[in-house]
Amino acid sequence: MLVNAVSHRDYQPSETIQLRVFDDRLEVQNPGGLLPGLSLDVILRGGVARHRNETISAVLYRLGYLERAGFGIVFVQQRMRELGADAPRFESLPSHFLAVLPSRLAAAREAD
């Protein structure tokens, strides 16, 4: 999610990417909402590659941090399942994009 945030954030406002760590989750909040024409439903399915920051995305790809354009959120959902964590939650507003990644330990505690 951090790589996704760096790649897609809106660099016009002075806000920064915020990482908030809690006992039961990690929250990644990114300044700026989705690009025009994109919706949460579309990015959750994957396959639509739009870059707000072409150069940053290209560098992250060359460094091996990005694999397939348009599948970052799909990859995060898949990885959370593999880890045995609850599904991540996403919120998109014009001012920000928020990803909430539940801890797999929280899911294990709930199962007990």
Protein backbone atom coordinates (compact mmCIF):
# COMPACT_ATOMS: atom_id res chain seq x y z
CA MET A 1 0.00 0.00 0.00
CA LEU A 2 2.89 2.36 0.68
CA VAL A 3 4.29 1.89 -2.83
CA ASN A 4 0.81 2.42 -4.23
CA ALA A 5 0.45 5.59 -2.17
CA VAL A 6 3.77 7.02 -3.35
CA SER A 7 2.98 6.14 -6.94
CA HIS A 8 -0.55 7.56 -7.03
CA ARG A 9 -0.67 10.40 -4.53
CA ASP A 10 -1.58 13.92 -5.50
CA TYR A 11 1.56 16.00 -5.01
CA GLN A 12 -0.23 19.36 -5.38
CA PRO A 13 -1.54 19.73 -1.82
CA SER A 14 1.03 20.08 0.92
CA GLU A 15 -0.34 17.12 2.86
CA THR A 16 1.76 14.00 3.26
CA ILE A 17 1.04 10.30 3.08
CA GLN A 18 -0.01 9.21 6.55
CA LEU A 19 0.75 5.79 8.00
CA ARG A 20 -1.13 5.04 11.19
CA VAL A 21 -0.28 1.85 13.06
CA PHE A 22 -2.76 0.39 15.54
CA ASP A 23 -2.82 -2.92 17.39
CA ASP A 24 -5.47 -4.29 15.03
CA ARG A 25 -4.78 -2.50 11.73
CA LEU A 26 -2.57 -0.33 9.53
CA GLU A 27 -4.08 2.72 7.87
CA VAL A 28 -2.51 4.36 4.81
CA GLN A 29 -4.02 7.70 3.85
CA ASN A 30 -3.05 9.39 0.64
CA PRO A 31 -3.71 13.02 -0.33
CA GLY A 32 -6.06 13.38 -3.28
CA GLY A 33 -8.83 11.09 -4.40
CA LEU A 34 -8.99 8.83 -7.40
CA LEU A 35 -8.21 10.16 -10.84
CA PRO A 36 -11.19 11.41 -12.86
CA GLY A 37 -13.07 8.55 -14.47
CA LEU A 38 -12.02 5.99 -11.84
CA SER A 39 -14.23 4.62 -9.11
CA LEU A 40 -13.60 2.39 -6.15
CA ASP A 41 -15.47 -0.44 -7.88
CA VAL A 42 -13.19 -0.20 -10.91
CA ILE A 43 -9.92 -0.25 -9.00
CA LEU A 44 -11.07 -3.11 -6.78
CA ARG A 45 -11.47 -5.25 -9.91
CA GLY A 46 -8.11 -4.14 -11.32
CA GLY A 47 -6.84 -3.93 -14.85
CA VAL A 48 -7.16 -0.17 -15.35
CA ALA A 49 -3.72 1.43 -15.41
CA ARG A 50 -3.78 5.16 -14.86
CA HIS A 51 -0.82 7.03 -13.46
CA ARG A 52 -0.92 10.39 -11.77
CA ASN A 53 2.89 10.33 -11.54
CA GLU A 54 4.35 8.61 -14.62
CA THR A 55 7.99 9.17 -13.69
CA ILE A 56 7.61 7.96 -10.10
CA SER A 57 5.69 4.89 -11.30
CA ALA A 58 8.39 4.12 -13.88
CA VAL A 59 11.16 4.36 -11.26
CA LEU A 60 9.25 2.15 -8.81
CA TYR A 61 8.71 -0.39 -11.60
CA ARG A 62 12.41 -0.42 -12.54
CA LEU A 63 13.35 -0.89 -8.89
CA GLY A 64 11.02 -3.89 -8.68
CA TYR A 65 8.45 -2.37 -6.33
CA LEU A 66 5.67 -2.39 -8.95
CA GLU A 67 4.79 -5.44 -11.01
CA ARG A 68 1.64 -5.03 -13.08
CA ALA A 69 0.15 -1.64 -13.67
CA GLY A 70 -3.47 -1.45 -12.59
CA PHE A 71 -3.37 -4.35 -10.15
CA GLY A 72 -1.96 -2.81 -6.94
CA ILE A 73 -5.20 -2.93 -4.98
CA VAL A 74 -6.01 -6.42 -6.31
CA PHE A 75 -2.55 -7.59 -5.18
CA VAL A 76 -3.09 -6.12 -1.70
CA GLN A 77 -6.45 -7.91 -1.38
CA GLN A 78 -4.90 -11.20 -2.51
CA ARG A 79 -1.94 -10.84 -0.14
CA MET A 80 -4.23 -10.12 2.81
CA ARG A 81 -6.14 -13.35 2.07
CA GLU A 82 -2.85 -15.27 1.86
CA LEU A 83 -1.82 -13.89 5.26
CA GLY A 84 -5.12 -14.97 6.81
CA ALA A 85 -6.16 -11.39 7.60
CA ASP A 86 -9.60 -9.90 7.15
CA ALA A 87 -10.26 -8.12 3.87
CA PRO A 88 -8.84 -4.60 3.59
CA ARG A 89 -11.23 -1.65 3.44
CA PHE A 90 -10.86 1.26 1.07
CA GLU A 91 -12.40 4.71 1.09
CA SER A 92 -12.14 7.24 -1.70
CA LEU A 93 -13.08 10.87 -1.22
CA PRO A 94 -12.03 13.87 -3.32
CA SER A 95 -9.63 14.93 -0.55
CA HIS A 96 -7.99 11.56 0.14
CA PHE A 97 -7.78 7.82 -0.41
CA LEU A 98 -7.71 5.60 2.68
CA ALA A 99 -6.71 1.94 2.94
CA VAL A 100 -7.34 0.07 6.19
CA LEU A 101 -5.38 -3.18 6.44
CA PRO A 102 -6.53 -5.37 9.35
CA SER A 103 -3.89 -7.26 11.27
CA ARG A 104 -3.93 -11.01 10.74
CA LEU A 105 -3.43 -11.26 14.51
CA ALA A 106 -6.73 -9.42 15.03
CA ALA A 107 -8.47 -11.99 12.82
CA ALA A 108 -6.89 -14.82 14.82
CA ARG A 109 -8.02 -13.26 18.13
CA GLU A 110 -11.60 -12.98 16.84
CA ALA A 111 -11.58 -16.65 15.84
CA ASP A 112 -10.62 -17.75 19.37
